[in-house]
Amino acid sequence: MSDKETTMRDLESKEKLGEILKSLLEGLNAEDAEQYDWYCMLYPEVEDYEYEEYRGSEHVIAAKAIQHPELHPLMVQIVEKVTGIANEIGELWNDEEDHAAAGFARELAVYNKKYAPLYAQYLATNDLNHEVYQSEDIWDILHEKEWDKDIYPIVVSRVFTPGQHGREDWAGFCESGLTEALMKDGEMDVFFDVIRQFFDEKWGLDYGHSVRFGHFGELAEMIYPDDENKAKDMNDRFESMYE
């Protein structure tokens, strides 16, 4: 844990927050990342936050920084840098339960859905076989937002990144407006474009067929629970993308 300490009062200063974010960015690099005991060593411990309100010091810092639009570019750079390092050497962690940069990624996407694709790219680097907070964060992000091309990347990343609770979240998405959204003219085409982009960017065309296609039929059936033919057509369309 970092020996640098700060207080909640310190975080009322935009200048102090900017210093913390810049220092964190400077400390992040792939060459050293494998030697970190924990990523949280790179930012100060906030010594007096309410444990019932925040998951940890990073989340306190992120919640304060999001209040200053001038700091959003630095937050974006942190998420992008952690995502890049995770793609290169594997995910980074705050502690045994929370992934590095989760606070920054979450706060940005909750603030404005234009950051939802950034969150989706970040989510795809998480170890969702040991997930704890991701579903909670996703539903916070989706709250009162319209299902559209900005939100679909989170849906796709959640479902196709190997993990524990993708099917459960997909069922919740369907019940919460995804099915209705995809029935609108042209939206299914947009959704499939997002799927293709996700696979092409994340894994490429040679990624294992069984992982890509193994459970999409079940997902299609949740979109069309009363129409077996349409569910089959949706699954066939998915599989045909990589034939």
C-alpha atoms as a PDB file:
ATOM      1  CA  MET A   1       0.000   0.000   0.000  1.00  0.00           C
ATOM      2  CA  SER A   2       1.225   3.503  -0.785  1.00  0.00           C
ATOM      3  CA  ASP A   3       2.804   5.459   2.061  1.00  0.00           C
ATOM      4  CA  LYS A   4       1.288   8.622   0.559  1.00  0.00           C
ATOM      5  CA  GLU A   5      -1.842   9.567   2.457  1.00  0.00           C
ATOM      6  CA  THR A   6      -4.503  12.139   1.785  1.00  0.00           C
ATOM      7  CA  THR A   7      -7.860  13.126   3.250  1.00  0.00           C
ATOM      8  CA  MET A   8     -11.363  13.696   1.953  1.00  0.00           C
ATOM      9  CA  ARG A   9     -10.788  17.408   2.436  1.00  0.00           C
ATOM     10  CA  ASP A  10      -7.731  17.267   0.183  1.00  0.00           C
ATOM     11  CA  LEU A  11      -9.926  15.787  -2.550  1.00  0.00           C
ATOM     12  CA  GLU A  12     -12.118  18.872  -2.617  1.00  0.00           C
ATOM     13  CA  SER A  13      -9.262  20.519  -4.521  1.00  0.00           C
ATOM     14  CA  LYS A  14      -9.363  20.063  -8.299  1.00  0.00           C
ATOM     15  CA  GLU A  15      -5.653  20.817  -8.393  1.00  0.00           C
ATOM     16  CA  LYS A  16      -4.886  18.054  -5.873  1.00  0.00           C
ATOM     17  CA  LEU A  17      -7.023  15.591  -7.804  1.00  0.00           C
ATOM     18  CA  GLY A  18      -5.245  16.528 -11.012  1.00  0.00           C
ATOM     19  CA  GLU A  19      -1.879  15.904  -9.380  1.00  0.00           C
ATOM     20  CA  ILE A  20      -3.028  12.456  -8.217  1.00  0.00           C
ATOM     21  CA  LEU A  21      -4.325  11.481 -11.653  1.00  0.00           C
ATOM     22  CA  LYS A  22      -1.169  12.680 -13.419  1.00  0.00           C
ATOM     23  CA  SER A  23       1.018  10.815 -10.930  1.00  0.00           C
ATOM     24  CA  LEU A  24      -1.008   7.650 -11.454  1.00  0.00           C
ATOM     25  CA  LEU A  25      -0.669   7.928 -15.215  1.00  0.00           C
ATOM     26  CA  GLU A  26       3.079   8.422 -14.948  1.00  0.00           C
ATOM     27  CA  GLY A  27       3.431   5.377 -12.713  1.00  0.00           C
ATOM     28  CA  LEU A  28       1.545   3.020 -15.005  1.00  0.00           C
ATOM     29  CA  ASN A  29       3.597   1.025 -17.474  1.00  0.00           C
ATOM     30  CA  ALA A  30       3.644  -2.536 -18.697  1.00  0.00           C
ATOM     31  CA  GLU A  31       7.333  -3.031 -17.904  1.00  0.00           C
ATOM     32  CA  ASP A  32       6.790  -2.511 -14.179  1.00  0.00           C
ATOM     33  CA  ALA A  33       3.219  -3.754 -13.890  1.00  0.00           C
ATOM     34  CA  GLU A  34       4.186  -7.378 -13.304  1.00  0.00           C
ATOM     35  CA  GLN A  35       6.208  -6.252 -10.304  1.00  0.00           C
ATOM     36  CA  TYR A  36       3.349  -4.372  -8.620  1.00  0.00           C
ATOM     37  CA  ASP A  37       2.144  -6.075  -5.470  1.00  0.00           C
ATOM     38  CA  TRP A  38      -1.061  -4.127  -6.053  1.00  0.00           C
ATOM     39  CA  TYR A  39      -1.943  -1.357  -8.473  1.00  0.00           C
ATOM     40  CA  CYS A  40      -3.295   0.618  -5.483  1.00  0.00           C
ATOM     41  CA  MET A  41       0.341   1.267  -4.492  1.00  0.00           C
ATOM     42  CA  LEU A  42       0.347   3.870  -7.278  1.00  0.00           C
ATOM     43  CA  TYR A  43      -2.178   6.251  -5.718  1.00  0.00           C
ATOM     44  CA  PRO A  44      -2.587   7.712  -2.226  1.00  0.00           C
ATOM     45  CA  GLU A  45      -4.570   6.011   0.492  1.00  0.00           C
ATOM     46  CA  VAL A  46      -7.548   8.159   1.451  1.00  0.00           C
ATOM     47  CA  GLU A  47      -7.496   7.799   5.197  1.00  0.00           C
ATOM     48  CA  ASP A  48     -10.947   9.053   6.249  1.00  0.00           C
ATOM     49  CA  TYR A  49     -13.525   7.946   3.665  1.00  0.00           C
ATOM     50  CA  GLU A  50     -16.803   6.225   4.598  1.00  0.00           C
ATOM     51  CA  TYR A  51     -16.418   2.499   4.001  1.00  0.00           C
ATOM     52  CA  GLU A  52     -20.168   2.105   3.567  1.00  0.00           C
ATOM     53  CA  GLU A  53     -20.131   4.577   0.662  1.00  0.00           C
ATOM     54  CA  TYR A  54     -16.996   3.672  -1.288  1.00  0.00           C
ATOM     55  CA  ARG A  55     -15.217   0.425  -2.214  1.00  0.00           C
ATOM     56  CA  GLY A  56     -11.768   1.893  -1.703  1.00  0.00           C
ATOM     57  CA  SER A  57      -9.516   4.877  -2.219  1.00  0.00           C
ATOM     58  CA  GLU A  58      -9.567   4.678  -6.017  1.00  0.00           C
ATOM     59  CA  HIS A  59     -13.347   4.913  -5.985  1.00  0.00           C
ATOM     60  CA  VAL A  60     -13.208   7.944  -3.710  1.00  0.00           C
ATOM     61  CA  ILE A  61     -10.722   9.659  -6.014  1.00  0.00           C
ATOM     62  CA  ALA A  62     -12.778   8.786  -9.098  1.00  0.00           C
ATOM     63  CA  ALA A  63     -16.039   9.982  -7.536  1.00  0.00           C
ATOM     64  CA  LYS A  64     -14.444  13.323  -6.722  1.00  0.00           C
ATOM     65  CA  ALA A  65     -12.639  13.690 -10.050  1.00  0.00           C
ATOM     66  CA  ILE A  66     -15.792  13.074 -12.116  1.00  0.00           C
ATOM     67  CA  GLN A  67     -17.194  16.308 -10.667  1.00  0.00           C
ATOM     68  CA  HIS A  68     -14.609  18.235 -12.705  1.00  0.00           C
ATOM     69  CA  PRO A  69     -15.036  17.869 -16.491  1.00  0.00           C
ATOM     70  CA  GLU A  70     -11.520  19.223 -16.965  1.00  0.00           C
ATOM     71  CA  LEU A  71     -10.211  16.048 -15.318  1.00  0.00           C
ATOM     72  CA  HIS A  72     -12.209  13.628 -17.460  1.00  0.00           C
ATOM     73  CA  PRO A  73      -9.488  13.353 -20.137  1.00  0.00           C
ATOM     74  CA  LEU A  74      -7.030  12.196 -17.475  1.00  0.00           C
ATOM     75  CA  MET A  75      -9.551   9.637 -16.203  1.00  0.00           C
ATOM     76  CA  VAL A  76     -10.022   8.367 -19.762  1.00  0.00           C
ATOM     77  CA  GLN A  77      -6.255   8.051 -20.211  1.00  0.00           C
ATOM     78  CA  ILE A  78      -5.991   6.015 -17.000  1.00  0.00           C
ATOM     79  CA  VAL A  79      -8.700   3.588 -18.140  1.00  0.00           C
ATOM     80  CA  GLU A  80      -7.130   3.305 -21.594  1.00  0.00           C
ATOM     81  CA  LYS A  81      -3.669   2.712 -20.140  1.00  0.00           C
ATOM     82  CA  VAL A  82      -4.839   0.043 -17.685  1.00  0.00           C
ATOM     83  CA  THR A  83      -6.834  -1.617 -20.485  1.00  0.00           C
ATOM     84  CA  GLY A  84      -3.775  -1.638 -22.723  1.00  0.00           C
ATOM     85  CA  ILE A  85      -1.544  -3.107 -20.026  1.00  0.00           C
ATOM     86  CA  ALA A  86      -4.167  -5.742 -19.190  1.00  0.00           C
ATOM     87  CA  ASN A  87      -4.400  -6.733 -22.846  1.00  0.00           C
ATOM     88  CA  GLU A  88      -0.621  -7.110 -22.893  1.00  0.00           C
ATOM     89  CA  ILE A  89       0.167  -8.922 -19.635  1.00  0.00           C
ATOM     90  CA  GLY A  90      -3.123  -9.663 -17.863  1.00  0.00           C
ATOM     91  CA  GLU A  91      -5.482  -7.817 -15.569  1.00  0.00           C
ATOM     92  CA  LEU A  92      -4.351  -5.527 -12.755  1.00  0.00           C
ATOM     93  CA  TRP A  93      -6.036  -5.478  -9.353  1.00  0.00           C
ATOM     94  CA  ASN A  94      -6.789  -3.009  -6.576  1.00  0.00           C
ATOM     95  CA  ASP A  95      -7.252  -5.848  -4.099  1.00  0.00           C
ATOM     96  CA  GLU A  96      -8.547  -9.411  -4.016  1.00  0.00           C
ATOM     97  CA  GLU A  97     -11.981  -8.348  -5.309  1.00  0.00           C
ATOM     98  CA  ASP A  98     -11.664  -5.166  -7.344  1.00  0.00           C
ATOM     99  CA  HIS A  99      -9.914  -4.638 -10.668  1.00  0.00           C
ATOM    100  CA  ALA A 100      -7.615  -1.693 -11.262  1.00  0.00           C
ATOM    101  CA  ALA A 101      -9.295   1.391 -12.764  1.00  0.00           C
ATOM    102  CA  ALA A 102     -12.780   0.071 -12.006  1.00  0.00           C
ATOM    103  CA  GLY A 103     -13.661   3.305 -10.239  1.00  0.00           C
ATOM    104  CA  PHE A 104     -12.552   5.529 -13.118  1.00  0.00           C
ATOM    105  CA  ALA A 105     -14.216   3.371 -15.777  1.00  0.00           C
ATOM    106  CA  ARG A 106     -17.470   3.173 -13.843  1.00  0.00           C
ATOM    107  CA  GLU A 107     -17.706   6.864 -12.966  1.00  0.00           C
ATOM    108  CA  LEU A 108     -17.108   7.942 -16.559  1.00  0.00           C
ATOM    109  CA  ALA A 109     -19.759   5.626 -17.993  1.00  0.00           C
ATOM    110  CA  VAL A 110     -22.300   6.545 -15.316  1.00  0.00           C
ATOM    111  CA  TYR A 111     -21.658  10.228 -16.006  1.00  0.00           C
ATOM    112  CA  ASN A 112     -22.163  10.030 -19.761  1.00  0.00           C
ATOM    113  CA  LYS A 113     -22.994   7.104 -22.011  1.00  0.00           C
ATOM    114  CA  LYS A 114     -20.443   8.311 -24.550  1.00  0.00           C
ATOM    115  CA  TYR A 115     -17.949   6.600 -22.245  1.00  0.00           C
ATOM    116  CA  ALA A 116     -19.849   3.292 -22.314  1.00  0.00           C
ATOM    117  CA  PRO A 117     -17.731   1.881 -25.181  1.00  0.00           C
ATOM    118  CA  LEU A 118     -14.612   2.715 -23.155  1.00  0.00           C
ATOM    119  CA  TYR A 119     -16.065   0.808 -20.203  1.00  0.00           C
ATOM    120  CA  ALA A 120     -16.860  -2.124 -22.510  1.00  0.00           C
ATOM    121  CA  GLN A 121     -13.256  -2.304 -23.727  1.00  0.00           C
ATOM    122  CA  TYR A 122     -12.070  -2.170 -20.136  1.00  0.00           C
ATOM    123  CA  LEU A 123     -14.580  -4.810 -18.986  1.00  0.00           C
ATOM    124  CA  ALA A 124     -13.276  -7.236 -21.604  1.00  0.00           C
ATOM    125  CA  THR A 125      -9.909  -7.251 -19.806  1.00  0.00           C
ATOM    126  CA  ASN A 126     -11.429  -8.156 -16.419  1.00  0.00           C
ATOM    127  CA  ASP A 127     -11.195 -11.646 -14.974  1.00  0.00           C
ATOM    128  CA  LEU A 128     -14.928 -12.336 -14.927  1.00  0.00           C
ATOM    129  CA  ASN A 129     -14.361 -15.827 -13.602  1.00  0.00           C
ATOM    130  CA  HIS A 130     -13.628 -14.050 -10.332  1.00  0.00           C
ATOM    131  CA  GLU A 131     -16.104 -11.208 -10.639  1.00  0.00           C
ATOM    132  CA  VAL A 132     -17.538  -9.411  -7.651  1.00  0.00           C
ATOM    133  CA  TYR A 133     -18.705  -5.914  -8.559  1.00  0.00           C
ATOM    134  CA  GLN A 134     -19.024  -5.890 -12.338  1.00  0.00           C
ATOM    135  CA  SER A 135     -22.759  -6.618 -12.573  1.00  0.00           C
ATOM    136  CA  GLU A 136     -23.519  -3.965  -9.980  1.00  0.00           C
ATOM    137  CA  ASP A 137     -21.414  -1.434 -11.873  1.00  0.00           C
ATOM    138  CA  ILE A 138     -23.038  -2.311 -15.204  1.00  0.00           C
ATOM    139  CA  TRP A 139     -26.540  -1.800 -13.853  1.00  0.00           C
ATOM    140  CA  ASP A 140     -25.475   1.527 -12.347  1.00  0.00           C
ATOM    141  CA  ILE A 141     -24.234   2.548 -15.784  1.00  0.00           C
ATOM    142  CA  LEU A 142     -27.419   1.410 -17.543  1.00  0.00           C
ATOM    143  CA  HIS A 143     -29.722   3.228 -15.135  1.00  0.00           C
ATOM    144  CA  GLU A 144     -32.090   5.523 -17.062  1.00  0.00           C
ATOM    145  CA  LYS A 145     -30.023   5.276 -20.255  1.00  0.00           C
ATOM    146  CA  GLU A 146     -31.492   4.437 -23.644  1.00  0.00           C
ATOM    147  CA  TRP A 147     -30.494   1.168 -25.293  1.00  0.00           C
ATOM    148  CA  ASP A 148     -28.497   2.177 -28.374  1.00  0.00           C
ATOM    149  CA  LYS A 149     -25.154   1.909 -30.194  1.00  0.00           C
ATOM    150  CA  ASP A 150     -23.287   3.404 -27.221  1.00  0.00           C
ATOM    151  CA  ILE A 151     -24.750   0.924 -24.723  1.00  0.00           C
ATOM    152  CA  TYR A 152     -24.637  -2.210 -26.891  1.00  0.00           C
ATOM    153  CA  PRO A 153     -20.838  -2.585 -26.466  1.00  0.00           C
ATOM    154  CA  ILE A 154     -21.323  -3.098 -22.723  1.00  0.00           C
ATOM    155  CA  VAL A 155     -23.949  -5.776 -23.407  1.00  0.00           C
ATOM    156  CA  VAL A 156     -21.673  -7.564 -25.865  1.00  0.00           C
ATOM    157  CA  SER A 157     -18.589  -7.294 -23.659  1.00  0.00           C
ATOM    158  CA  ARG A 158     -20.505  -8.552 -20.628  1.00  0.00           C
ATOM    159  CA  VAL A 159     -21.931 -11.568 -22.433  1.00  0.00           C
ATOM    160  CA  PHE A 160     -18.933 -12.643 -24.505  1.00  0.00           C
ATOM    161  CA  THR A 161     -16.117 -12.074 -22.053  1.00  0.00           C
ATOM    162  CA  PRO A 162     -15.790 -15.472 -20.352  1.00  0.00           C
ATOM    163  CA  GLY A 163     -17.140 -15.276 -16.829  1.00  0.00           C
ATOM    164  CA  GLN A 164     -19.661 -16.285 -14.227  1.00  0.00           C
ATOM    165  CA  HIS A 165     -22.878 -14.335 -14.677  1.00  0.00           C
ATOM    166  CA  GLY A 166     -23.173 -13.306 -18.327  1.00  0.00           C
ATOM    167  CA  ARG A 167     -26.358 -15.273 -18.969  1.00  0.00           C
ATOM    168  CA  GLU A 168     -28.043 -13.858 -15.871  1.00  0.00           C
ATOM    169  CA  ASP A 169     -27.187 -10.319 -16.879  1.00  0.00           C
ATOM    170  CA  TRP A 170     -28.357 -10.968 -20.458  1.00  0.00           C
ATOM    171  CA  ALA A 171     -31.707 -12.145 -19.104  1.00  0.00           C
ATOM    172  CA  GLY A 172     -31.908  -8.951 -17.084  1.00  0.00           C
ATOM    173  CA  PHE A 173     -31.019  -6.861 -20.130  1.00  0.00           C
ATOM    174  CA  CYS A 174     -33.796  -8.502 -22.128  1.00  0.00           C
ATOM    175  CA  GLU A 175     -36.333  -7.828 -19.398  1.00  0.00           C
ATOM    176  CA  SER A 176     -35.153  -4.235 -18.999  1.00  0.00           C
ATOM    177  CA  GLY A 177     -35.603  -3.058 -22.572  1.00  0.00           C
ATOM    178  CA  LEU A 178     -32.948  -4.707 -24.761  1.00  0.00           C
ATOM    179  CA  THR A 179     -35.464  -6.963 -26.508  1.00  0.00           C
ATOM    180  CA  GLU A 180     -37.753  -4.036 -27.254  1.00  0.00           C
ATOM    181  CA  ALA A 181     -34.847  -1.947 -28.515  1.00  0.00           C
ATOM    182  CA  LEU A 182     -33.638  -4.655 -30.904  1.00  0.00           C
ATOM    183  CA  MET A 183     -37.111  -4.925 -32.451  1.00  0.00           C
ATOM    184  CA  LYS A 184     -36.871  -1.351 -33.736  1.00  0.00           C
ATOM    185  CA  ASP A 185     -36.071  -0.837 -37.390  1.00  0.00           C
ATOM    186  CA  GLY A 186     -32.358  -1.236 -38.065  1.00  0.00           C
ATOM    187  CA  GLU A 187     -31.328  -1.838 -34.457  1.00  0.00           C
ATOM    188  CA  MET A 188     -30.538  -5.521 -34.903  1.00  0.00           C
ATOM    189  CA  ASP A 189     -28.117  -4.562 -37.690  1.00  0.00           C
ATOM    190  CA  VAL A 190     -26.439  -2.045 -35.356  1.00  0.00           C
ATOM    191  CA  PHE A 191     -26.217  -4.685 -32.626  1.00  0.00           C
ATOM    192  CA  PHE A 192     -24.570  -7.213 -34.932  1.00  0.00           C
ATOM    193  CA  ASP A 193     -22.094  -4.571 -36.093  1.00  0.00           C
ATOM    194  CA  VAL A 194     -21.098  -4.119 -32.442  1.00  0.00           C
ATOM    195  CA  ILE A 195     -20.680  -7.875 -32.023  1.00  0.00           C
ATOM    196  CA  ARG A 196     -18.452  -8.110 -35.082  1.00  0.00           C
ATOM    197  CA  GLN A 197     -16.330  -5.183 -33.948  1.00  0.00           C
ATOM    198  CA  PHE A 198     -15.935  -6.698 -30.486  1.00  0.00           C
ATOM    199  CA  PHE A 199     -14.678 -10.041 -31.785  1.00  0.00           C
ATOM    200  CA  ASP A 200     -12.470  -8.552 -34.459  1.00  0.00           C
ATOM    201  CA  GLU A 201     -10.800  -6.139 -32.040  1.00  0.00           C
ATOM    202  CA  LYS A 202     -10.594  -8.435 -29.033  1.00  0.00           C
ATOM    203  CA  TRP A 203      -9.625 -11.774 -30.508  1.00  0.00           C
ATOM    204  CA  GLY A 204      -9.552 -11.737 -34.291  1.00  0.00           C
ATOM    205  CA  LEU A 205     -11.168 -14.150 -36.675  1.00  0.00           C
ATOM    206  CA  ASP A 206      -9.166 -17.174 -35.534  1.00  0.00           C
ATOM    207  CA  TYR A 207     -10.545 -17.154 -31.984  1.00  0.00           C
ATOM    208  CA  GLY A 208     -11.982 -20.511 -30.867  1.00  0.00           C
ATOM    209  CA  HIS A 209     -15.300 -21.372 -32.507  1.00  0.00           C
ATOM    210  CA  SER A 210     -16.692 -22.995 -29.372  1.00  0.00           C
ATOM    211  CA  VAL A 211     -16.189 -19.869 -27.262  1.00  0.00           C
ATOM    212  CA  ARG A 212     -17.610 -17.561 -29.883  1.00  0.00           C
ATOM    213  CA  PHE A 213     -20.623 -19.600 -30.821  1.00  0.00           C
ATOM    214  CA  GLY A 214     -21.226 -21.968 -27.928  1.00  0.00           C
ATOM    215  CA  HIS A 215     -24.116 -20.258 -26.184  1.00  0.00           C
ATOM    216  CA  PHE A 216     -25.470 -17.628 -28.570  1.00  0.00           C
ATOM    217  CA  GLY A 217     -28.457 -19.824 -29.385  1.00  0.00           C
ATOM    218  CA  GLU A 218     -29.551 -19.599 -25.758  1.00  0.00           C
ATOM    219  CA  LEU A 219     -29.214 -15.814 -25.868  1.00  0.00           C
ATOM    220  CA  ALA A 220     -31.279 -15.611 -29.047  1.00  0.00           C
ATOM    221  CA  GLU A 221     -34.012 -17.648 -27.395  1.00  0.00           C
ATOM    222  CA  MET A 222     -34.205 -15.044 -24.613  1.00  0.00           C
ATOM    223  CA  ILE A 223     -34.743 -12.340 -27.240  1.00  0.00           C
ATOM    224  CA  TYR A 224     -37.440 -14.409 -28.963  1.00  0.00           C
ATOM    225  CA  PRO A 225     -38.872 -16.624 -26.188  1.00  0.00           C
ATOM    226  CA  ASP A 226     -42.090 -17.244 -28.130  1.00  0.00           C
ATOM    227  CA  ASP A 227     -40.715 -17.572 -31.639  1.00  0.00           C
ATOM    228  CA  GLU A 228     -38.373 -20.481 -32.204  1.00  0.00           C
ATOM    229  CA  ASN A 229     -37.860 -19.637 -35.884  1.00  0.00           C
ATOM    230  CA  LYS A 230     -36.763 -16.058 -35.231  1.00  0.00           C
ATOM    231  CA  ALA A 231     -34.429 -17.247 -32.479  1.00  0.00           C
ATOM    232  CA  LYS A 232     -32.880 -19.718 -34.911  1.00  0.00           C
ATOM    233  CA  ASP A 233     -32.545 -17.032 -37.577  1.00  0.00           C
ATOM    234  CA  MET A 234     -30.754 -14.764 -35.092  1.00  0.00           C
ATOM    235  CA  ASN A 235     -28.360 -17.545 -34.108  1.00  0.00           C
ATOM    236  CA  ASP A 236     -27.747 -18.466 -37.760  1.00  0.00           C
ATOM    237  CA  ARG A 237     -26.945 -14.844 -38.533  1.00  0.00           C
ATOM    238  CA  PHE A 238     -24.441 -14.792 -35.710  1.00  0.00           C
ATOM    239  CA  GLU A 239     -22.672 -17.960 -36.814  1.00  0.00           C
ATOM    240  CA  SER A 240     -22.630 -16.872 -40.473  1.00  0.00           C
ATOM    241  CA  MET A 241     -20.539 -13.801 -39.665  1.00  0.00           C
ATOM    242  CA  TYR A 242     -17.380 -15.928 -39.420  1.00  0.00           C
ATOM    243  CA  GLU A 243     -18.011 -18.625 -41.983  1.00  0.00           C
END
